[in-house]
Amino acid sequence: MLTLSDIERAVRASWAADTCSPDDVARAAWTPDNPAWGHCDITALLVSDVFGGDLMLGEVHLDGIQHGYHWWNRLAGGIEIDLTRSQFRLGQVISGARPVPRPVGRPKRRYAEYELLRQRVDARLG
């Protein structure tokens, strides 16, 4: 049985420039020094695939200006899991947290990156 620690290690080792969100790359390039950058949406989907629960969505603000959105997970017991929170290193604040329905079927947005990340995670988990 897979644990959250197993999933977390595999996901963190699988993030790369080719799975980073183009929206985030427009703000700052992906680098190995900040591997979580631009991966919150597809990482939250992968965690949801394994553990279920709610997808959570909030607004990212820096110095009072919105800079996109952030995704994470809330498990059935109410525990929140955010494997990509470490990407925010400039004092960004997440506000307006709310659960959102998981897309039915394959993700409509960033499917290619989601699929690539999923394949890498699956390969690491064996």
Protein backbone atom coordinates (compact mmCIF):
# COMPACT_ATOMS: atom_id res chain seq x y z
CA MET A 1 0.00 0.00 0.00
CA LEU A 2 1.33 3.41 -0.96
CA THR A 3 1.82 6.04 1.71
CA LEU A 4 1.71 9.79 1.38
CA SER A 5 5.48 9.81 1.90
CA ASP A 6 5.92 7.42 -1.06
CA ILE A 7 3.79 9.63 -3.29
CA GLU A 8 5.48 12.82 -2.10
CA ARG A 9 8.99 11.51 -2.83
CA ALA A 10 7.97 10.27 -6.29
CA VAL A 11 6.18 13.50 -7.18
CA ARG A 12 8.99 15.76 -5.99
CA ALA A 13 11.53 13.75 -7.97
CA SER A 14 9.35 13.96 -11.11
CA TRP A 15 8.78 17.72 -11.38
CA ALA A 16 10.69 19.34 -14.25
CA ALA A 17 10.64 22.26 -16.65
CA ASP A 18 8.53 20.32 -19.15
CA THR A 19 5.73 19.80 -16.60
CA CYS A 20 5.74 23.37 -15.23
CA SER A 21 2.71 25.54 -15.99
CA PRO A 22 3.30 27.96 -18.87
CA ASP A 23 1.38 30.61 -16.89
CA ASP A 24 3.95 30.37 -14.11
CA VAL A 25 6.91 30.23 -16.49
CA ALA A 26 5.69 33.58 -17.84
CA ARG A 27 6.24 34.98 -14.31
CA ALA A 28 9.49 33.16 -13.53
CA ALA A 29 11.36 30.30 -15.16
CA TRP A 30 11.30 26.84 -13.60
CA THR A 31 14.59 25.86 -11.95
CA PRO A 32 15.73 22.82 -9.96
CA ASP A 33 16.24 25.21 -7.02
CA ASN A 34 12.44 25.63 -6.80
CA PRO A 35 11.10 22.37 -8.28
CA ALA A 36 7.50 22.82 -7.04
CA TRP A 37 7.15 26.04 -9.06
CA GLY A 38 4.22 25.79 -11.49
CA HIS A 39 3.15 22.28 -10.50
CA CYS A 40 0.29 22.79 -8.04
CA ASP A 41 -2.61 21.98 -10.37
CA ILE A 42 -1.33 18.71 -11.79
CA THR A 43 0.19 17.65 -8.46
CA ALA A 44 -3.16 18.16 -6.71
CA LEU A 45 -4.82 16.05 -9.40
CA LEU A 46 -2.30 13.24 -8.87
CA VAL A 47 -2.82 13.31 -5.10
CA SER A 48 -6.58 13.23 -5.74
CA ASP A 49 -6.13 10.22 -8.01
CA VAL A 50 -4.53 8.29 -5.15
CA PHE A 51 -6.26 9.57 -2.01
CA GLY A 52 -9.52 11.16 -3.21
CA GLY A 53 -10.86 14.07 -1.17
CA ASP A 54 -11.43 17.62 -2.34
CA LEU A 55 -9.39 19.73 -4.69
CA MET A 56 -8.83 23.10 -3.06
CA LEU A 57 -8.33 26.35 -4.95
CA GLY A 58 -7.18 29.72 -3.67
CA GLU A 59 -5.88 32.99 -5.05
CA VAL A 60 -2.18 33.83 -4.84
CA HIS A 61 -1.42 37.41 -3.78
CA LEU A 62 1.89 39.19 -3.51
CA ASP A 63 2.01 42.75 -2.19
CA GLY A 64 -1.78 42.95 -2.55
CA ILE A 65 -1.78 41.99 -6.25
CA GLN A 66 -3.22 38.70 -7.46
CA HIS A 67 -0.67 36.46 -9.16
CA GLY A 68 -2.76 33.50 -10.26
CA TYR A 69 -4.22 30.59 -8.37
CA HIS A 70 -2.98 27.76 -6.16
CA TRP A 71 -4.28 24.18 -5.92
CA TRP A 72 -3.91 21.64 -3.12
CA ASN A 73 -5.86 18.80 -1.50
CA ARG A 74 -8.16 18.25 1.46
CA LEU A 75 -8.67 14.63 2.44
CA ALA A 76 -11.99 13.21 3.64
CA GLY A 77 -10.93 13.63 7.29
CA GLY A 78 -10.28 17.35 6.74
CA ILE A 79 -6.48 17.12 6.60
CA GLU A 80 -5.02 19.43 3.96
CA ILE A 81 -2.07 18.31 1.86
CA ASP A 82 -0.11 20.85 -0.14
CA LEU A 83 2.95 19.30 -1.77
CA THR A 84 3.75 22.48 -3.72
CA ARG A 85 3.43 25.15 -1.02
CA SER A 86 7.23 25.42 -0.92
CA GLN A 87 7.19 27.18 -4.30
CA PHE A 88 6.12 30.43 -2.63
CA ARG A 89 9.30 32.08 -1.40
CA LEU A 90 8.55 35.77 -1.78
CA GLY A 91 5.87 36.13 0.89
CA GLN A 92 2.91 35.18 -1.29
CA VAL A 93 -0.39 34.81 0.53
CA ILE A 94 -3.10 32.32 -0.44
CA SER A 95 -6.65 33.53 0.16
CA GLY A 96 -10.19 32.63 -0.75
CA ALA A 97 -9.69 28.88 -0.29
CA ARG A 98 -12.59 26.82 -1.57
CA PRO A 99 -13.22 23.24 -2.64
CA VAL A 100 -13.82 22.70 -6.35
CA PRO A 101 -15.15 19.62 -8.15
CA ARG A 102 -12.60 17.35 -9.75
CA PRO A 103 -12.94 17.39 -13.54
CA VAL A 104 -14.69 14.32 -14.88
CA GLY A 105 -12.38 12.23 -17.07
CA ARG A 106 -9.07 13.64 -18.15
CA PRO A 107 -8.11 17.19 -17.17
CA LYS A 108 -9.23 19.76 -19.72
CA ARG A 109 -6.23 21.96 -19.07
CA ARG A 110 -2.57 20.84 -19.02
CA TYR A 111 -3.43 17.24 -19.85
CA ALA A 112 -0.09 16.57 -21.57
CA GLU A 113 1.88 17.80 -18.54
CA TYR A 114 -0.40 15.92 -16.13
CA GLU A 115 0.04 12.71 -18.11
CA LEU A 116 3.83 13.14 -18.30
CA LEU A 117 4.07 13.78 -14.55
CA ARG A 118 1.76 10.82 -13.82
CA GLN A 119 3.92 8.51 -15.97
CA ARG A 120 7.09 9.63 -14.19
CA VAL A 121 5.52 9.15 -10.77
CA ASP A 122 4.20 5.72 -11.74
CA ALA A 123 7.67 4.70 -12.98
CA ARG A 124 9.28 5.82 -9.70
CA LEU A 125 6.68 3.95 -7.65
CA GLY A 126 7.11 0.80 -9.76
